[in-house]
């Protein structure tokens, strides 16, 4: 019998199996040894990389900034994400060029710069942070990022004999694009995501909401059949407010100038508006304003009481009101601050709404005229419409719009009215860079229309750069979308 066909004894078979496994075990040991060497090498490289990273200081891995949002709304941010958890950044370490007010917050590997006001349009910005250190120690680093803001676009309302149109346009007034038409638009406002139009049909108000391009039209629920006035929008979020008067109002029943808020958020579609009431007093509202960057509003009721009220939006419950004394009118609440400018019986005053501390508004020299309206600027100065008075104190003519220093000593004229023109309104751009001056030219031969908010048939909006006092454009129409309220008739 050939040897290859002879069966092996059991002992030899075990030896053969052991001999077959021995190379595999030796290979496994070689693999494990090599793996351990590689793992150790990688660990060493990792430790070395970490040491190098720590030695180099934090490095930026990502920058998030939205230049479009930065020119339209306060509170926009630039966020730097780095390779290390960071020590807290002090505002003194941050430089914004050109200068802009900001706050700083540090969280883990990120640092955020929040701009108090919208940034200037068509401007190159650089944000630089010096002395950035990681929590694990190591070298300090400097991080920076540059970006360019876009040109501004605004919305503008034109009334006409054949119907009314809201246009979207640049500040130069070129390439104006119609976004919404209706036979009767009383007023409109813009939020970050929507436009809302107060229209009139059959002597009843309607609120129509669209996207910012005029699409996705829908109607907003009202408290009932009646008239909407004083339409406003909050600087942030999708909250609007208005006063409402019932159509069947009489001396016995009905709501008269009741203040309501509502959300334009698509998720709140169909939600009823929320009525804002002043417990223990008259709730009929003569004037009101949203407080910038706060869930609150300031209202002046028919009995002359000035009250600060929490504004939670539709579906919420207002908090306890804060009484701020008697007032004649509300002039403004400066963006980027909580300072309200109001007219008291003894003259205009500035009220800090966070502390209720009050100080009289600095007067200007009589040669400049008396202020007929006052808007607050973020730096403490004011933008005033000045009127010349006769010796008996009666207004002779409205003459100019001027930037007035906080002390009242420095008066810089930025716009002068024509002799036959009437001033209807002055509005500040959110960035404080521009003013919109609404004028009725040739007022003697410029008849008023028949709207609930009556205005001269010919109205112009002059856009003025406050830094240079240069007029950039004269646009036909009114209600530039940065105006917080409509003109006073």
Protein backbone atom coordinates (compact mmCIF):
# COMPACT_ATOMS: atom_id res chain seq x y z
CA UNK A 1 0.00 0.00 0.00
CA UNK A 2 1.46 3.44 -0.93
CA UNK A 3 2.49 5.59 1.99
CA UNK A 4 0.11 8.34 0.94
CA UNK A 5 -2.82 5.97 1.31
CA UNK A 6 -1.80 4.62 4.72
CA UNK A 7 -3.89 6.08 7.56
CA UNK A 8 -1.95 7.96 10.23
CA UNK A 9 -2.03 6.80 13.82
CA UNK A 10 -4.04 9.04 16.18
CA UNK A 11 -0.92 10.44 17.89
CA UNK A 12 0.57 11.52 14.58
CA UNK A 13 -2.74 13.15 13.58
CA UNK A 14 -2.71 15.29 16.76
CA UNK A 15 0.86 16.30 16.01
CA UNK A 16 -0.15 17.29 12.50
CA UNK A 17 -3.00 19.41 13.82
CA UNK A 18 -0.68 21.08 16.34
CA UNK A 19 1.89 21.74 13.63
CA UNK A 20 -0.84 23.31 11.45
CA UNK A 21 -1.96 25.71 14.20
CA UNK A 22 1.45 26.76 15.42
CA UNK A 23 2.19 29.12 12.45
CA UNK A 24 -1.20 30.83 12.93
CA UNK A 25 -0.52 31.46 16.59
CA UNK A 26 2.90 32.84 15.76
CA UNK A 27 1.27 35.10 13.08
CA UNK A 28 -1.28 36.34 15.60
CA UNK A 29 1.43 37.19 18.06
CA UNK A 30 3.33 39.05 15.36
CA UNK A 31 0.12 40.96 14.36
CA UNK A 32 -0.71 41.89 17.96
CA UNK A 33 2.80 43.10 18.52
CA UNK A 34 2.74 45.18 15.36
CA UNK A 35 -0.69 46.56 16.28
CA UNK A 36 0.56 47.58 19.70
CA UNK A 37 3.51 49.34 18.14
CA UNK A 38 1.28 51.21 15.67
CA UNK A 39 -1.24 52.13 18.40
CA UNK A 40 1.53 53.44 20.59
CA UNK A 41 2.92 55.42 17.68
CA UNK A 42 -0.50 56.89 16.90
CA UNK A 43 -1.04 57.75 20.56
CA UNK A 44 2.31 59.45 20.64
CA UNK A 45 1.47 61.36 17.48
CA UNK A 46 -1.88 62.35 18.98
CA UNK A 47 -0.24 63.57 22.13
CA UNK A 48 2.34 65.38 20.07
CA UNK A 49 -0.44 66.93 17.92
CA UNK A 50 -2.33 68.01 21.01
CA UNK A 51 0.84 69.48 22.40
CA UNK A 52 1.50 71.33 19.14
CA UNK A 53 -2.12 72.59 19.06
CA UNK A 54 -1.84 73.81 22.64
CA UNK A 55 1.50 75.40 21.88
CA UNK A 56 0.12 77.17 18.81
CA UNK A 57 -2.96 78.41 20.64
CA UNK A 58 -6.60 78.14 19.47
CA UNK A 59 -7.16 78.11 15.73
CA UNK A 60 -10.42 78.89 13.91
CA UNK A 61 -12.15 75.94 12.28
CA UNK A 62 -15.39 77.71 11.32
CA UNK A 63 -16.93 81.21 11.13
CA UNK A 64 -20.68 81.78 10.97
CA UNK A 65 -22.06 85.19 9.97
CA UNK A 66 -25.09 86.29 7.93
CA UNK A 67 -24.34 89.69 6.34
CA UNK A 68 -27.89 89.99 4.94
CA UNK A 69 -29.44 89.65 8.40
CA UNK A 70 -26.78 91.89 9.92
CA UNK A 71 -28.00 94.98 8.03
CA UNK A 72 -31.70 94.50 8.74
CA UNK A 73 -32.03 93.41 12.38
CA UNK A 74 -30.37 94.02 15.71
CA UNK A 75 -28.83 91.11 17.55
CA UNK A 76 -27.07 89.48 14.60
CA UNK A 77 -23.90 87.54 15.46
CA UNK A 78 -20.57 86.43 14.15
CA UNK A 79 -19.53 83.13 15.77
CA UNK A 80 -15.97 81.79 15.75
CA UNK A 81 -15.51 78.06 16.41
CA UNK A 82 -11.98 77.03 17.39
CA UNK A 83 -9.89 73.94 18.08
CA UNK A 84 -9.95 74.33 21.88
CA UNK A 85 -12.28 75.13 24.74
CA UNK A 86 -11.67 78.82 25.37
CA UNK A 87 -11.09 81.07 28.33
CA UNK A 88 -13.73 83.79 28.58
CA UNK A 89 -13.20 86.63 26.12
CA UNK A 90 -13.32 90.17 27.49
CA UNK A 91 -14.91 92.86 25.27
CA UNK A 92 -11.62 94.78 25.43
CA UNK A 93 -10.00 91.97 23.44
CA UNK A 94 -12.41 92.56 20.53
CA UNK A 95 -12.03 95.17 17.80
CA UNK A 96 -14.74 95.77 15.20
CA UNK A 97 -13.70 97.89 12.22
CA UNK A 98 -15.47 100.16 11.38
CA UNK A 99 -16.69 100.67 14.93
CA UNK A 100 -19.95 99.03 16.02
CA UNK A 101 -21.46 98.36 19.43
CA UNK A 102 -21.38 94.72 20.51
CA UNK A 103 -21.50 92.21 23.34
CA UNK A 104 -19.42 89.04 23.74
CA UNK A 105 -20.20 85.53 24.97
CA UNK A 106 -17.89 82.51 25.20
CA UNK A 107 -19.13 78.92 25.29
CA UNK A 108 -16.82 75.91 24.96
CA UNK A 109 -14.88 76.16 21.73
CA UNK A 110 -16.95 79.09 20.41
CA UNK A 111 -17.01 82.83 20.93
CA UNK A 112 -19.89 84.97 19.66
CA UNK A 113 -19.94 88.71 18.93
CA UNK A 114 -23.49 90.11 19.03
CA UNK A 115 -24.04 93.45 17.30
CA UNK A 116 -26.33 95.78 19.25
CA UNK A 117 -27.65 97.55 16.16
CA UNK A 118 -27.86 96.48 12.53
CA UNK A 119 -24.62 97.08 10.69
CA UNK A 120 -24.16 99.64 7.94
CA UNK A 121 -24.98 98.54 4.42
CA UNK A 122 -22.35 98.13 1.68
CA UNK A 123 -19.53 98.21 4.21
CA UNK A 124 -16.42 96.05 4.70
CA UNK A 125 -16.23 94.85 8.33
CA UNK A 126 -13.38 93.13 10.16
CA UNK A 127 -13.79 91.49 13.56
CA UNK A 128 -10.51 90.81 15.39
CA UNK A 129 -10.05 89.10 18.77
CA UNK A 130 -6.61 89.34 20.43
CA UNK A 131 -5.16 87.22 23.21
CA UNK A 132 -7.41 84.19 22.70
CA UNK A 133 -6.32 81.36 25.02
CA UNK A 134 -7.47 77.81 25.59
CA UNK A 135 -8.54 76.53 28.99
CA UNK A 136 -5.75 73.97 28.88
CA UNK A 137 -3.11 76.66 28.74
CA UNK A 138 -0.65 77.28 25.97
CA UNK A 139 0.02 80.21 23.70
CA UNK A 140 -2.40 83.07 23.02
CA UNK A 141 -3.65 83.53 19.48
CA UNK A 142 -5.29 86.25 17.41
CA UNK A 143 -8.34 85.37 15.34
CA UNK A 144 -10.17 87.56 12.85
CA UNK A 145 -12.64 87.51 9.99
CA UNK A 146 -13.73 90.03 7.36
CA UNK A 147 -17.05 90.24 5.52
CA UNK A 148 -19.00 92.72 3.40
CA UNK A 149 -22.58 93.76 4.06
CA UNK A 150 -25.01 94.02 1.13
CA UNK A 151 -26.96 97.02 -0.14
CA UNK A 152 -30.19 97.80 1.69
CA UNK A 153 -33.61 97.21 0.22
CA UNK A 154 -36.75 98.80 1.61
CA UNK A 155 -40.50 98.59 1.07
CA UNK A 156 -42.52 101.68 0.22
CA UNK A 157 -46.26 102.37 -0.13
CA UNK A 158 -47.69 104.40 -3.01
CA UNK A 159 -51.35 105.35 -3.01
CA UNK A 160 -53.00 106.00 -6.35
CA UNK A 161 -56.32 106.70 -8.02
CA UNK A 162 -56.30 103.21 -9.55
CA UNK A 163 -55.25 101.40 -6.37
CA UNK A 164 -52.34 101.18 -3.97
CA UNK A 165 -49.03 99.34 -4.35
CA UNK A 166 -46.20 98.36 -2.02
CA UNK A 167 -42.86 98.32 -3.83
CA UNK A 168 -39.49 96.81 -2.91
CA UNK A 169 -36.59 99.03 -3.92
CA UNK A 170 -33.01 99.97 -3.19
CA UNK A 171 -32.21 103.24 -1.45
CA UNK A 172 -31.52 104.90 -4.78
CA UNK A 173 -35.08 104.13 -5.92
CA UNK A 174 -33.94 102.17 -8.96
CA UNK A 175 -35.46 98.90 -10.18
CA UNK A 176 -38.50 99.21 -7.91
CA UNK A 177 -40.45 95.95 -7.89
CA UNK A 178 -44.17 95.77 -6.97
CA UNK A 179 -44.84 93.08 -4.35
CA UNK A 180 -48.47 93.72 -3.34
CA UNK A 181 -51.42 95.58 -4.83
CA UNK A 182 -54.84 96.33 -3.37
CA UNK A 183 -57.58 98.91 -4.02
CA UNK A 184 -57.16 100.39 -0.52
CA UNK A 185 -54.01 99.99 1.63
CA UNK A 186 -54.12 102.08 4.77
CA UNK A 187 -50.77 101.01 6.18
CA UNK A 188 -48.28 98.12 6.19
CA UNK A 189 -45.35 96.77 8.18
CA UNK A 190 -42.47 94.37 7.53
CA UNK A 191 -41.02 91.70 9.83
CA UNK A 192 -38.05 89.41 9.30
CA UNK A 193 -40.17 86.92 7.36
CA UNK A 194 -43.44 88.61 6.42
CA UNK A 195 -45.31 91.67 5.23
CA UNK A 196 -48.63 92.62 6.81
CA UNK A 197 -51.05 95.04 5.15
CA UNK A 198 -53.94 96.90 6.77
CA UNK A 199 -56.53 97.15 4.02
CA UNK A 200 -60.14 98.34 3.91
CA UNK A 201 -63.04 96.59 2.18
CA UNK A 202 -66.64 97.79 2.58
CA UNK A 203 -65.59 100.12 5.41
CA UNK A 204 -64.13 97.22 7.38
CA UNK A 205 -60.45 96.55 8.02
CA UNK A 206 -58.62 93.40 7.00
CA UNK A 207 -55.08 92.28 7.81
CA UNK A 208 -53.43 90.45 4.94
CA UNK A 209 -50.13 88.62 5.48
CA UNK A 210 -47.66 87.55 2.78
CA UNK A 211 -44.07 86.42 2.53
CA UNK A 212 -41.59 89.23 1.93
CA UNK A 213 -41.89 88.68 -1.83
CA UNK A 214 -45.69 89.08 -1.71
CA UNK A 215 -46.40 85.35 -2.08
CA UNK A 216 -48.44 82.98 0.12
CA UNK A 217 -51.19 85.49 0.85
CA UNK A 218 -53.48 84.77 3.81
CA UNK A 219 -55.76 86.72 6.09
CA UNK A 220 -55.02 87.30 9.77
CA UNK A 221 -57.92 86.86 12.21
CA UNK A 222 -59.24 90.11 13.70
CA UNK A 223 -61.14 90.57 16.98
CA UNK A 224 -64.30 91.22 14.95
CA UNK A 225 -65.72 93.61 12.36
CA UNK A 226 -64.15 97.00 12.79
CA UNK A 227 -61.27 99.33 12.04
CA UNK A 228 -57.54 98.71 12.53
CA UNK A 229 -55.16 101.61 13.18
CA UNK A 230 -51.68 102.16 14.61
CA UNK A 231 -50.22 99.03 12.98
CA UNK A 232 -46.69 98.25 14.24
CA UNK A 233 -44.21 95.36 14.21
CA UNK A 234 -41.61 94.33 16.78
CA UNK A 235 -37.97 94.72 15.77
CA UNK A 236 -37.38 90.99 16.24
CA UNK A 237 -39.60 87.98 15.85
CA UNK A 238 -42.90 87.89 14.01
CA UNK A 239 -45.01 89.91 16.44
CA UNK A 240 -47.29 92.76 15.37
CA UNK A 241 -49.70 95.01 17.23
CA UNK A 242 -52.55 97.37 16.39
CA UNK A 243 -55.47 99.22 17.91
CA UNK A 244 -58.97 98.03 17.05
CA UNK A 245 -62.35 99.74 17.21
CA UNK A 246 -65.60 97.84 16.73
CA UNK A 247 -67.73 98.86 13.77
CA UNK A 248 -70.89 98.87 15.93
CA UNK A 249 -69.35 100.96 18.71
CA UNK A 250 -71.80 103.09 20.65
CA UNK A 251 -71.95 104.80 24.00
CA UNK A 252 -73.13 101.63 25.71
CA UNK A 253 -70.94 98.84 24.31
CA UNK A 254 -68.09 97.96 21.99
CA UNK A 255 -64.30 98.12 21.99
CA UNK A 256 -62.74 101.52 21.32
CA UNK A 257 -59.03 101.78 20.48
CA UNK A 258 -58.28 98.45 22.16
CA UNK A 259 -54.69 97.24 21.81
CA UNK A 260 -54.07 93.76 20.36
CA UNK A 261 -50.96 91.76 19.50
CA UNK A 262 -50.70 88.81 17.11
CA UNK A 263 -48.04 86.54 15.66
CA UNK A 264 -47.33 86.33 11.93
CA UNK A 265 -45.49 83.03 12.37
CA UNK A 266 -46.97 80.47 10.00
CA UNK A 267 -47.29 78.04 12.89
CA UNK A 268 -49.63 80.50 14.64
CA UNK A 269 -51.93 80.87 11.62
CA UNK A 270 -55.51 81.00 12.81
CA UNK A 271 -54.65 81.87 16.42
CA UNK A 272 -56.80 84.70 17.79
CA UNK A 273 -55.14 88.02 18.68
CA UNK A 274 -54.38 88.84 22.30
CA UNK A 275 -55.92 91.94 23.89
CA UNK A 276 -53.62 94.01 26.10
CA UNK A 277 -55.48 95.58 29.03
CA UNK A 278 -54.44 97.86 31.87
CA UNK A 279 -55.99 96.57 35.08
CA UNK A 280 -57.71 99.20 37.18
CA UNK A 281 -57.61 101.94 34.54
CA UNK A 282 -58.60 103.05 31.07
CA UNK A 283 -57.34 100.57 28.45
CA UNK A 284 -58.20 102.70 25.41
CA UNK A 285 -54.89 103.42 23.72
CA UNK A 286 -53.95 106.77 22.20
CA UNK A 287 -50.36 105.81 21.34
CA UNK A 288 -48.09 102.84 21.90
CA UNK A 289 -44.70 101.35 20.97
CA UNK A 290 -42.93 97.99 21.11
CA UNK A 291 -39.82 98.16 23.31
CA UNK A 292 -36.83 97.18 21.12
CA UNK A 293 -35.25 93.79 21.90
CA UNK A 294 -37.64 93.18 24.80
CA UNK A 295 -40.94 91.39 25.32
CA UNK A 296 -42.68 94.58 26.40
CA UNK A 297 -44.64 97.51 25.05
CA UNK A 298 -45.23 101.07 26.19
CA UNK A 299 -48.74 102.44 25.93
CA UNK A 300 -50.35 105.82 26.53
CA UNK A 301 -54.05 105.52 27.31
CA UNK A 302 -56.86 108.02 26.85
CA UNK A 303 -56.60 109.10 30.49
CA UNK A 304 -52.98 110.21 29.94
CA UNK A 305 -51.41 107.29 31.85
CA UNK A 306 -48.08 105.99 30.56
CA UNK A 307 -47.73 102.26 31.27
CA UNK A 308 -45.10 99.62 30.54
CA UNK A 309 -46.70 96.23 29.88
CA UNK A 310 -45.18 92.80 29.24
CA UNK A 311 -45.98 91.57 25.74
CA UNK A 312 -45.81 87.78 25.52
CA UNK A 313 -47.43 87.61 22.09
CA UNK A 314 -50.55 85.84 20.99
CA UNK A 315 -51.69 83.12 23.35
CA UNK A 316 -49.78 84.36 26.41
CA UNK A 317 -50.69 86.32 29.51
CA UNK A 318 -49.38 89.84 30.09
CA UNK A 319 -47.39 90.48 33.25
CA UNK A 320 -47.98 93.17 35.85
CA UNK A 321 -47.97 96.66 34.33
CA UNK A 322 -45.55 99.36 35.47
CA UNK A 323 -47.02 102.86 35.86
CA UNK A 324 -44.73 105.63 34.58
CA UNK A 325 -46.82 108.69 35.33
CA UNK A 326 -48.78 110.97 33.05
CA UNK A 327 -47.69 111.93 29.55
CA UNK A 328 -48.94 113.84 26.53
CA UNK A 329 -47.38 111.68 23.80
CA UNK A 330 -44.78 108.99 23.08
CA UNK A 331 -42.06 110.23 20.76
CA UNK A 332 -39.73 107.24 20.44
CA UNK A 333 -37.84 104.39 22.07
CA UNK A 334 -34.26 104.42 20.84
CA UNK A 335 -33.11 101.24 19.12
CA UNK A 336 -30.21 99.58 20.90
CA UNK A 337 -31.41 100.96 24.22
CA UNK A 338 -34.35 100.95 26.62
CA UNK A 339 -34.68 104.74 26.76
CA UNK A 340 -38.10 106.13 25.86
CA UNK A 341 -38.57 109.76 24.85
CA UNK A 342 -41.98 111.10 25.89
CA UNK A 343 -43.66 114.46 26.17
CA UNK A 344 -44.71 115.40 29.69
CA UNK A 345 -46.89 118.38 30.48
CA UNK A 346 -43.74 120.29 31.44
CA UNK A 347 -41.68 119.24 28.42
CA UNK A 348 -39.95 116.24 26.82
CA UNK A 349 -38.20 113.68 29.01
CA UNK A 350 -36.05 110.57 28.61
CA UNK A 351 -37.09 107.54 30.69
CA UNK A 352 -34.95 104.44 31.21
CA UNK A 353 -37.56 101.70 31.05
CA UNK A 354 -35.39 99.25 33.01
CA UNK A 355 -35.04 101.51 36.06
CA UNK A 356 -37.80 104.14 35.56
CA UNK A 357 -35.11 106.80 36.04
CA UNK A 358 -36.02 110.00 34.23
CA UNK A 359 -34.20 113.10 33.03
CA UNK A 360 -35.37 116.11 31.04
CA UNK A 361 -34.40 116.22 27.40
CA UNK A 362 -31.74 118.83 26.74
CA UNK A 363 -33.17 121.91 25.04
CA UNK A 364 -31.64 123.60 22.00
CA UNK A 365 -31.01 127.29 21.52
CA UNK A 366 -34.27 129.03 20.51
CA UNK A 367 -32.63 130.26 17.29
CA UNK A 368 -32.80 126.69 15.97
CA UNK A 369 -36.53 126.44 16.61
CA UNK A 370 -38.62 124.15 18.76
CA UNK A 371 -38.71 120.38 18.32
CA UNK A 372 -41.96 119.04 16.89
CA UNK A 373 -40.72 115.44 16.95
CA UNK A 374 -37.74 113.71 18.58
CA UNK A 375 -36.11 110.36 17.77
CA UNK A 376 -33.41 108.77 19.92
CA UNK A 377 -30.05 107.71 18.49
CA UNK A 378 -28.03 104.92 20.06
CA UNK A 379 -25.19 107.25 21.10
CA UNK A 380 -27.49 109.42 23.24
CA UNK A 381 -27.96 112.17 20.67
CA UNK A 382 -31.35 112.83 19.06
CA UNK A 383 -32.80 113.51 15.63
CA UNK A 384 -35.25 116.40 15.86
CA UNK A 385 -37.68 118.08 13.50
CA UNK A 386 -37.40 121.79 14.31
CA UNK A 387 -40.07 124.44 13.79
CA UNK A 388 -39.70 128.19 13.90
CA UNK A 389 -42.07 130.01 16.26
CA UNK A 390 -43.37 133.55 16.32
CA UNK A 391 -42.99 135.69 19.48
CA UNK A 392 -46.30 134.39 20.84
CA UNK A 393 -45.10 130.76 20.57
CA UNK A 394 -47.19 129.78 17.54
CA UNK A 395 -45.50 127.65 14.88
CA UNK A 396 -44.68 129.73 11.83
CA UNK A 397 -43.10 127.00 9.69
CA UNK A 398 -41.32 123.69 9.88
CA UNK A 399 -37.80 124.38 8.77
CA UNK A 400 -35.31 121.58 9.26
CA UNK A 401 -34.30 118.17 10.59
CA UNK A 402 -31.17 118.15 12.75
CA UNK A 403 -28.95 115.83 14.80
CA UNK A 404 -28.72 117.29 18.32
CA UNK A 405 -26.04 116.26 20.79
CA UNK A 406 -26.97 114.79 24.16
CA UNK A 407 -26.28 118.12 25.86
CA UNK A 408 -28.21 120.12 23.27
CA UNK A 409 -25.21 122.34 22.51
CA UNK A 410 -24.34 120.91 19.10
CA UNK A 411 -27.05 121.15 16.41
CA UNK A 412 -26.18 119.80 12.96
CA UNK A 413 -28.77 120.29 10.23
CA UNK A 414 -29.15 117.30 7.90
CA UNK A 415 -32.25 118.30 5.91
CA UNK A 416 -33.95 121.61 5.10
CA UNK A 417 -37.55 121.82 3.95
CA UNK A 418 -38.71 123.89 1.00
CA UNK A 419 -40.76 126.95 1.84
CA UNK A 420 -44.00 125.48 0.46
CA UNK A 421 -43.46 121.92 1.81
CA UNK A 422 -44.95 120.29 4.89
CA UNK A 423 -43.13 117.76 7.05
CA UNK A 424 -45.23 114.64 7.74
CA UNK A 425 -42.80 112.26 9.46
CA UNK A 426 -39.17 111.48 10.24
CA UNK A 427 -38.01 107.85 10.63
CA UNK A 428 -34.62 106.40 11.56
CA UNK A 429 -33.05 103.43 9.81
CA UNK A 430 -32.39 100.57 12.27
CA UNK A 431 -28.64 101.09 11.85
CA UNK A 432 -29.00 104.83 12.64
CA UNK A 433 -27.13 105.57 9.40
CA UNK A 434 -30.07 107.05 7.48
CA UNK A 435 -33.21 109.06 8.09
CA UNK A 436 -36.36 108.94 6.01
CA UNK A 437 -37.95 112.40 5.85
CA UNK A 438 -41.55 112.26 4.61
CA UNK A 439 -42.63 115.49 2.94
CA UNK A 440 -45.79 116.78 1.26
CA UNK A 441 -44.53 119.15 -1.46
CA UNK A 442 -46.52 122.27 -2.28
CA UNK A 443 -48.93 121.66 0.58
CA UNK A 444 -51.26 124.52 -0.37
CA UNK A 445 -52.12 122.85 -3.69
CA UNK A 446 -51.80 119.26 -2.44
CA UNK A 447 -55.25 118.05 -1.29
CA UNK A 448 -55.69 115.26 1.23
CA UNK A 449 -57.13 111.89 0.22
CA UNK A 450 -60.16 110.26 1.86
CA UNK A 451 -58.44 107.45 3.75
CA UNK A 452 -58.86 106.65 7.44
CA UNK A 453 -55.25 107.85 7.71
CA UNK A 454 -55.63 110.87 5.42
CA UNK A 455 -52.51 112.12 3.65
CA UNK A 456 -51.78 114.61 0.88
CA UNK A 457 -52.10 113.08 -2.55
CA UNK A 458 -48.46 113.84 -3.37
CA UNK A 459 -46.01 112.50 -0.81
CA UNK A 460 -42.22 112.11 -1.08
CA UNK A 461 -39.73 110.26 1.10
CA UNK A 462 -36.24 111.74 1.17
CA UNK A 463 -33.45 109.37 2.25
CA UNK A 464 -30.67 111.25 4.06
CA UNK A 465 -27.27 109.92 5.14
CA UNK A 466 -26.88 111.31 8.68
CA UNK A 467 -23.09 111.12 8.66
CA UNK A 468 -22.69 113.37 5.63
CA UNK A 469 -26.10 115.13 5.54
CA UNK A 470 -26.26 114.00 1.91
CA UNK A 471 -29.60 113.13 0.35
CA UNK A 472 -29.24 109.78 -1.41
CA UNK A 473 -32.70 109.62 -3.01
CA UNK A 474 -36.19 111.12 -3.14
CA UNK A 475 -38.80 108.37 -3.46
CA UNK A 476 -42.47 108.83 -4.33
CA UNK A 477 -44.56 107.36 -1.52
CA UNK A 478 -44.30 106.85 2.23
CA UNK A 479 -44.16 104.18 4.96
CA UNK A 480 -40.55 103.12 4.32
CA UNK A 481 -40.36 99.74 6.04
CA UNK A 482 -38.01 100.90 8.78
CA UNK A 483 -40.65 103.39 10.02
CA UNK A 484 -42.23 102.05 13.20
CA UNK A 485 -45.54 103.82 12.69
CA UNK A 486 -47.40 105.49 9.88
CA UNK A 487 -47.29 109.26 9.41
CA UNK A 488 -49.43 111.42 11.66
CA UNK A 489 -52.13 113.07 9.60
